[in-house]
C-alpha cells in the first residue's frame, strides 16, 4: 500500500506502559482489571487505502444494499449484515483503533490485534456526547463492523486475500452491575481484522486526520479523505463521474453535481480548496450518462480540482519535524510516483 505527501503531524508523547500505569503500589480498581489501550495520546490516524477508497456507506441510517467499486486495478465488494453495511460514522471506531495502534508503534511498544478501550475516551476523541443513546449507537456500530463483509484485491502487508473479511473479527462490551441492577460499561474489547492489522503493522502507511474531521458531514468526510490520500504535489484534478465513484456516492450523478456545487461554495473541507469546473458545451449524446438533464438539455462535462491549502501558513515540512521519507511510493488512485512519511520500524 502507498501514501502521498502528508501534512506533518506533531510528535506524540511517549506512552506509559500499561503495567506502569496501573499499579504504583495501590490496589487495582475495577477499570484497571483491563489493560486498557486508551486513552489515546495524539492525533486520529487512518490507513491510506482505507482513506482513498469507498469501503463504508455514506449514511447515518442502515444501508441494506451491497456496495461495489471497480476502477483501474482496484476492486472492492461490500456486503451488508442483517443490520446493514458499516457506515462512515461506524468508521470512527476503526479510525480510533488504528490511531491506538499507530501510537503504540511510534512509542516502540508491541502490538497485537486485540484492543481494549473505554467508550468514554472514544466519545471524547470523536466529539460524541456521553448519553445513553451514544452507548446504544456504539453497540449497533460494533455489530455492523463485525457483520459487514468486505472483499478486495488491495494487498496489505505484502499479502493478498481471497474471500471476505469483517473489520472486526470480535467485538465485546464488558460491563458491571450496580446494586440496583443497572449496567455500567467498563470497557470495549475488539479484535482488528488481519487485513487492516497487516497494513498498519507492515506497510506503515498511516496519515493523520484534521482535527475538525468528525464535524464534517458524510460526503465532506469522504472528499477530505480522498484529497488527503491521493492529492499529488498538493493538487488533484479528476472528472466528476470518476470522483463520484471514489467518494462512494450512491445516488445519481446529477445529485452529486449539485452536492459538489454546494460543498465547493461553502469552502468547508479542512486543508483543501475544492473547485467544480463545469464546461459550457454539453456532452455529445453518446457520452451523456447517468445524471444527465432531460427534456432536451444535456449535461455538460464537469471536473473537480482540489488544491492543498494548509490552514496555517508556514507549517514545517516533514524533514523539519524529523519525518521519515519513503521516496518512490505509488498512488493507488493515479499510479504516480510520490514520497511519503512512514511510521518508524
Protein backbone atom coordinates (compact mmCIF):
# COMPACT_ATOMS: atom_id res chain seq x y z
CA UNK A 1 0.00 0.00 0.00
CA UNK A 2 1.17 3.51 -0.69
CA UNK A 3 0.78 7.01 0.51
CA UNK A 4 1.23 10.56 -0.72
CA UNK A 5 2.87 13.66 0.78
CA UNK A 6 1.34 14.04 4.20
CA UNK A 7 0.69 17.13 6.22
CA UNK A 8 3.21 16.82 9.06
CA UNK A 9 1.83 15.70 12.35
CA UNK A 10 3.09 16.65 15.76
CA UNK A 11 5.26 14.13 17.56
CA UNK A 12 3.35 12.03 20.04
CA UNK A 13 4.43 11.89 23.68
CA UNK A 14 5.82 8.58 24.80
CA UNK A 15 3.13 6.21 26.06
CA UNK A 16 3.42 4.84 29.53
CA UNK A 17 3.35 1.01 29.53
CA UNK A 18 0.03 -0.36 30.75
CA UNK A 19 1.66 -2.17 33.65
CA UNK A 20 3.24 1.05 34.92
CA UNK A 21 0.02 2.99 34.62
CA UNK A 22 -1.97 0.56 36.65
CA UNK A 23 -0.37 -0.16 39.96
CA UNK A 24 2.04 2.22 41.71
CA UNK A 25 1.58 0.19 44.86
CA UNK A 26 -2.18 0.74 45.01
CA UNK A 27 -4.98 -1.81 44.69
CA UNK A 28 -6.31 -2.26 41.16
CA UNK A 29 -9.66 -0.66 40.51
CA UNK A 30 -12.38 -2.37 38.50
CA UNK A 31 -11.39 -0.30 35.49
CA UNK A 32 -7.76 -1.43 35.86
CA UNK A 33 -8.72 -5.08 35.63
CA UNK A 34 -8.40 -4.48 31.90
CA UNK A 35 -5.07 -3.43 30.42
CA UNK A 36 -6.55 -0.50 28.56
CA UNK A 37 -5.06 0.75 25.33
CA UNK A 38 -6.89 4.05 25.86
CA UNK A 39 -6.76 6.93 26.41
CA UNK A 40 -5.43 7.87 23.01
CA UNK A 41 -2.33 10.04 23.04
CA UNK A 42 -2.01 12.25 19.98
CA UNK A 43 -3.95 12.51 16.77
CA UNK A 44 -6.51 10.45 14.90
CA UNK A 45 -4.79 8.41 12.18
CA UNK A 46 -6.03 6.42 9.22
CA UNK A 47 -4.52 3.77 6.95
CA UNK A 48 -4.03 5.19 3.49
CA UNK A 49 -6.04 2.73 1.37
CA UNK A 50 -8.89 2.99 3.86
CA UNK A 51 -8.90 6.74 3.17
CA UNK A 52 -8.53 6.51 -0.60
CA UNK A 53 -11.30 4.04 -1.42
CA UNK A 54 -15.03 3.70 -0.58
CA UNK A 55 -15.39 0.90 1.97
CA UNK A 56 -18.24 2.45 4.03
CA UNK A 57 -21.80 3.60 3.32
CA UNK A 58 -22.34 7.36 3.28
CA UNK A 59 -25.34 7.14 5.56
CA UNK A 60 -26.39 7.72 9.14
CA UNK A 61 -29.17 5.18 8.85
CA UNK A 62 -28.96 1.49 7.97
CA UNK A 63 -27.79 0.93 4.38
CA UNK A 64 -29.01 -2.50 3.32
CA UNK A 65 -27.71 -2.66 -0.27
CA UNK A 66 -24.31 -4.09 -1.26
CA UNK A 67 -21.60 -1.62 -2.29
CA UNK A 68 -19.08 -2.12 -5.08
CA UNK A 69 -16.16 -0.22 -6.55
CA UNK A 70 -14.33 -1.11 -9.78
CA UNK A 71 -11.78 1.29 -11.23
CA UNK A 72 -8.39 0.79 -12.84
CA UNK A 73 -6.81 -2.14 -11.00
CA UNK A 74 -8.79 -1.84 -7.76
CA UNK A 75 -11.94 -3.79 -6.90
CA UNK A 76 -13.99 -3.65 -3.70
CA UNK A 77 -17.17 -5.52 -2.80
CA UNK A 78 -19.04 -4.85 0.44
CA UNK A 79 -21.96 -6.97 1.62
CA UNK A 80 -24.38 -5.89 4.36
CA UNK A 81 -25.14 -7.80 7.53
CA UNK A 82 -28.66 -8.14 8.86
CA UNK A 83 -28.13 -4.66 10.34
CA UNK A 84 -26.77 -3.14 7.13
CA UNK A 85 -23.38 -2.04 5.82
CA UNK A 86 -20.94 -0.34 8.18
CA UNK A 87 -21.32 3.43 7.71
CA UNK A 88 -18.91 6.35 7.55
CA UNK A 89 -19.91 7.06 11.18
CA UNK A 90 -19.13 3.48 12.24
CA UNK A 91 -15.72 4.08 10.67
CA UNK A 92 -14.93 6.38 13.60
CA UNK A 93 -14.32 3.26 15.70
CA UNK A 94 -11.93 1.81 13.11
CA UNK A 95 -10.04 5.11 12.96
CA UNK A 96 -9.81 5.21 16.73
CA UNK A 97 -8.38 1.67 16.85
CA UNK A 98 -5.93 2.46 14.04
CA UNK A 99 -4.84 5.53 15.99
CA UNK A 100 -4.24 3.50 19.14
CA UNK A 101 -2.15 1.05 17.12
CA UNK A 102 -0.14 3.79 15.40
CA UNK A 103 0.58 5.46 18.74
CA UNK A 104 1.85 2.17 20.14
CA UNK A 105 4.12 1.61 17.16
CA UNK A 106 5.54 5.12 17.42
CA UNK A 107 6.27 4.52 21.09
CA UNK A 108 8.09 1.28 20.29
CA UNK A 109 5.53 -0.91 22.05
CA UNK A 110 4.48 -4.37 20.96
CA UNK A 111 1.11 -4.52 19.25
CA UNK A 112 -1.47 -7.27 18.95
CA UNK A 113 -4.81 -7.45 17.15
CA UNK A 114 -6.83 -7.15 20.36
CA UNK A 115 -7.58 -3.66 21.66
CA UNK A 116 -9.34 -2.65 24.87
CA UNK A 117 -10.57 0.90 25.36
CA UNK A 118 -13.24 2.90 27.12
CA UNK A 119 -16.29 4.25 25.36
CA UNK A 120 -15.74 7.50 27.27
CA UNK A 121 -12.39 8.08 25.57
CA UNK A 122 -13.77 7.11 22.15
CA UNK A 123 -16.61 9.60 22.53
CA UNK A 124 -14.25 12.31 23.76
CA UNK A 125 -11.94 11.86 20.77
CA UNK A 126 -14.72 11.75 18.15
CA UNK A 127 -16.79 14.53 19.72
CA UNK A 128 -19.81 12.38 20.57
CA UNK A 129 -21.85 13.12 23.64
CA UNK A 130 -21.89 10.68 26.52
CA UNK A 131 -25.61 10.00 26.50
CA UNK A 132 -27.30 6.62 26.78
CA UNK A 133 -28.16 6.89 23.09
CA UNK A 134 -24.46 7.21 22.22
CA UNK A 135 -23.75 3.97 24.05
CA UNK A 136 -26.58 2.29 22.15
CA UNK A 137 -25.20 3.59 18.83
CA UNK A 138 -21.80 2.22 19.82
CA UNK A 139 -23.27 -1.24 20.30
CA UNK A 140 -25.05 -1.04 16.92
CA UNK A 141 -21.90 0.21 15.18
CA UNK A 142 -19.83 -2.66 16.58
CA UNK A 143 -22.40 -5.14 15.26
CA UNK A 144 -22.24 -3.61 11.77
CA UNK A 145 -18.44 -3.55 11.78
CA UNK A 146 -18.36 -7.20 12.78
CA UNK A 147 -21.14 -8.24 10.39
CA UNK A 148 -20.22 -6.31 7.23
CA UNK A 149 -18.33 -8.48 4.73
CA UNK A 150 -15.55 -6.96 2.58
CA UNK A 151 -13.72 -8.40 -0.40
CA UNK A 152 -10.91 -6.50 -2.14
CA UNK A 153 -7.86 -7.13 -4.28
CA UNK A 154 -5.90 -4.41 -2.44
CA UNK A 155 -2.93 -6.10 -0.85
CA UNK A 156 -1.96 -5.47 2.77
CA UNK A 157 1.44 -6.06 4.29
CA UNK A 158 2.70 -7.66 1.10
CA UNK A 159 -0.09 -10.24 1.11
CA UNK A 160 -3.32 -10.61 -0.81
CA UNK A 161 -6.51 -12.35 0.30
CA UNK A 162 -9.25 -14.25 -1.47
CA UNK A 163 -12.67 -14.21 0.11
CA UNK A 164 -14.43 -11.92 2.55
CA UNK A 165 -13.42 -10.47 5.91
CA UNK A 166 -15.03 -8.19 8.51
CA UNK A 167 -13.50 -5.07 10.03
CA UNK A 168 -13.73 -6.61 13.49
CA UNK A 169 -13.45 -10.36 13.93
CA UNK A 170 -14.55 -9.93 17.55
CA UNK A 171 -16.35 -7.15 19.43
CA UNK A 172 -17.47 -7.24 23.06
CA UNK A 173 -18.84 -4.78 25.59
CA UNK A 174 -17.74 -5.54 29.15
CA UNK A 175 -19.95 -4.14 31.90
CA UNK A 176 -20.57 -4.38 35.61
CA UNK A 177 -23.86 -4.16 37.51
CA UNK A 178 -24.77 -1.84 40.34
CA UNK A 179 -26.73 -2.95 43.38
CA UNK A 180 -29.87 -1.78 41.62
CA UNK A 181 -29.11 -3.97 38.59
CA UNK A 182 -28.08 -1.10 36.34
CA UNK A 183 -25.42 -1.96 33.75
CA UNK A 184 -22.28 0.17 33.63
CA UNK A 185 -19.96 -0.21 30.68
CA UNK A 186 -16.36 -0.75 31.77
CA UNK A 187 -14.54 -1.40 28.53
CA UNK A 188 -14.86 -2.27 24.85
CA UNK A 189 -12.77 -5.16 23.55
CA UNK A 190 -12.29 -5.68 19.82
CA UNK A 191 -10.08 -7.73 17.52
CA UNK A 192 -8.95 -5.94 14.38
CA UNK A 193 -9.13 -7.88 11.10
CA UNK A 194 -5.94 -9.40 9.66
CA UNK A 195 -6.07 -7.23 6.53
CA UNK A 196 -6.02 -3.86 8.29
CA UNK A 197 -3.70 -5.05 11.05
CA UNK A 198 -1.10 -6.15 8.47
CA UNK A 199 -1.46 -2.90 6.54
CA UNK A 200 -0.69 -0.76 9.59
CA UNK A 201 1.95 -3.05 11.07
CA UNK A 202 3.96 -3.84 7.92
CA UNK A 203 3.22 -1.10 5.39
CA UNK A 204 3.24 1.71 7.96
CA UNK A 205 1.28 3.92 5.55
CA UNK A 206 -0.67 6.00 8.05
CA UNK A 207 -1.87 9.59 7.70
CA UNK A 208 -3.14 11.96 10.36
CA UNK A 209 -6.63 13.47 10.11
CA UNK A 210 -7.63 17.11 10.52
CA UNK A 211 -8.95 17.91 13.98
CA UNK A 212 -12.29 19.02 12.50
CA UNK A 213 -12.89 15.80 10.53
CA UNK A 214 -15.56 14.49 12.92
CA UNK A 215 -17.55 17.72 12.48
CA UNK A 216 -17.98 17.11 8.75
CA UNK A 217 -20.96 15.52 7.01
CA UNK A 218 -20.69 12.14 5.23
CA UNK A 219 -19.80 13.44 1.74
CA UNK A 220 -17.42 16.06 3.13
CA UNK A 221 -15.63 13.37 5.14
CA UNK A 222 -15.02 11.29 2.04
CA UNK A 223 -13.89 14.27 -0.02
CA UNK A 224 -11.38 15.11 2.70
CA UNK A 225 -10.14 11.52 2.87
CA UNK A 226 -9.71 11.20 -0.90
CA UNK A 227 -7.93 14.55 -1.08
CA UNK A 228 -5.72 13.67 1.90
CA UNK A 229 -4.68 10.30 0.50
CA UNK A 230 -4.38 10.94 -3.25
CA UNK A 231 -3.70 14.64 -3.84
CA UNK A 232 -0.42 14.70 -5.79
CA UNK A 233 2.03 17.52 -5.13
CA UNK A 234 -0.75 19.46 -3.44
CA UNK A 235 -3.09 19.31 -6.45
CA UNK A 236 -5.56 16.83 -7.89
CA UNK A 237 -7.85 17.09 -10.94
CA UNK A 238 -10.39 14.40 -11.75
CA UNK A 239 -13.59 14.16 -13.79
CA UNK A 240 -16.78 14.33 -11.77
CA UNK A 241 -18.06 10.85 -12.66
CA UNK A 242 -14.82 9.15 -11.58
CA UNK A 243 -14.70 11.25 -8.42
CA UNK A 244 -18.24 10.16 -7.57
CA UNK A 245 -17.12 6.52 -7.75
CA UNK A 246 -14.13 7.11 -5.48
CA UNK A 247 -16.24 9.00 -2.97
CA UNK A 248 -18.71 6.11 -2.90
CA UNK A 249 -21.72 8.30 -3.62
CA UNK A 250 -24.66 6.02 -4.42
CA UNK A 251 -27.22 8.50 -5.81
CA UNK A 252 -27.32 9.77 -9.44
CA UNK A 253 -24.50 11.89 -10.86
CA UNK A 254 -26.82 14.90 -11.16
CA UNK A 255 -27.36 14.81 -7.39
CA UNK A 256 -23.62 14.55 -6.81
CA UNK A 257 -23.01 17.52 -9.10
CA UNK A 258 -25.46 19.60 -7.08
CA UNK A 259 -23.86 18.49 -3.81
CA UNK A 260 -20.38 19.36 -5.12
CA UNK A 261 -21.55 22.85 -6.10
CA UNK A 262 -22.65 23.47 -2.55
CA UNK A 263 -19.51 21.99 -1.00
CA UNK A 264 -17.22 23.97 -3.31
CA UNK A 265 -19.12 27.15 -2.49
CA UNK A 266 -19.06 26.57 1.26
CA UNK A 267 -15.27 26.01 1.37
CA UNK A 268 -15.79 23.53 4.22
CA UNK A 269 -13.10 20.89 3.57
CA UNK A 270 -10.20 21.25 6.04
CA UNK A 271 -6.81 21.99 4.42
CA UNK A 272 -8.14 21.73 0.87
CA UNK A 273 -9.78 24.11 -1.60
CA UNK A 274 -12.42 22.42 -3.78
CA UNK A 275 -13.41 23.75 -7.20
CA UNK A 276 -16.06 22.35 -9.52
CA UNK A 277 -15.36 23.26 -13.15
CA UNK A 278 -18.38 22.80 -15.41
CA UNK A 279 -17.85 23.06 -19.16
CA UNK A 280 -20.28 25.22 -21.07
CA UNK A 281 -20.53 22.83 -24.02
CA UNK A 282 -22.91 19.90 -23.41
CA UNK A 283 -21.55 16.41 -23.85
CA UNK A 284 -22.36 14.52 -27.09
CA UNK A 285 -25.46 12.37 -26.81
CA UNK A 286 -23.43 9.13 -26.71
CA UNK A 287 -21.42 10.42 -23.72
CA UNK A 288 -24.35 11.58 -21.68
CA UNK A 289 -24.64 9.11 -18.85
CA UNK A 290 -26.34 8.89 -15.50
CA UNK A 291 -27.49 12.20 -14.14
CA UNK A 292 -27.88 13.96 -17.50
CA UNK A 293 -30.67 16.52 -17.53
CA UNK A 294 -33.63 15.50 -19.68
CA UNK A 295 -36.28 17.38 -21.65
CA UNK A 296 -33.85 18.44 -24.37
CA UNK A 297 -31.00 19.55 -22.10
CA UNK A 298 -27.78 17.54 -21.91
CA UNK A 299 -25.38 17.79 -19.01
CA UNK A 300 -22.01 19.38 -19.76
CA UNK A 301 -18.87 17.59 -18.59
CA UNK A 302 -17.52 18.62 -15.22
CA UNK A 303 -14.33 18.04 -13.27
CA UNK A 304 -13.17 18.57 -9.73
CA UNK A 305 -9.96 20.40 -8.86
CA UNK A 306 -8.52 20.04 -5.37
CA UNK A 307 -5.65 22.14 -4.06
CA UNK A 308 -3.85 21.62 -0.77
CA UNK A 309 -4.26 24.72 1.34
CA UNK A 310 -2.96 24.38 4.91
CA UNK A 311 -4.98 26.26 7.48
CA UNK A 312 -1.85 27.84 8.89
CA UNK A 313 0.88 29.22 6.66
CA UNK A 314 4.48 28.46 7.37
CA UNK A 315 3.98 24.94 8.72
CA UNK A 316 7.20 22.88 8.92
CA UNK A 317 7.95 20.24 6.33
CA UNK A 318 8.21 16.54 7.07
CA UNK A 319 12.00 16.85 7.06
CA UNK A 320 11.88 19.68 9.58
CA UNK A 321 9.85 17.63 12.06
CA UNK A 322 12.08 14.61 11.58
CA UNK A 323 9.63 12.60 9.47
CA UNK A 324 11.00 9.61 7.62
CA UNK A 325 10.56 9.89 3.89
CA UNK A 326 9.72 6.88 1.79
CA UNK A 327 10.51 8.03 -1.75
CA UNK A 328 9.04 6.33 -4.76
CA UNK A 329 5.68 5.17 -3.39
CA UNK A 330 2.91 4.72 -5.90
CA UNK A 331 -0.57 6.19 -5.61
CA UNK A 332 -3.34 3.58 -5.95
CA UNK A 333 -5.60 6.20 -7.49
CA UNK A 334 -3.21 7.60 -10.08
CA UNK A 335 -0.18 5.33 -10.35
CA UNK A 336 2.05 8.42 -9.96
CA UNK A 337 5.30 8.31 -8.04
CA UNK A 338 5.14 10.07 -4.73
CA UNK A 339 7.03 10.50 -1.48
CA UNK A 340 5.52 9.68 1.90
CA UNK A 341 6.20 9.67 5.60
CA UNK A 342 6.14 6.35 7.42
CA UNK A 343 5.76 5.13 10.93
CA UNK A 344 9.12 4.04 12.37
CA UNK A 345 10.06 0.38 12.09
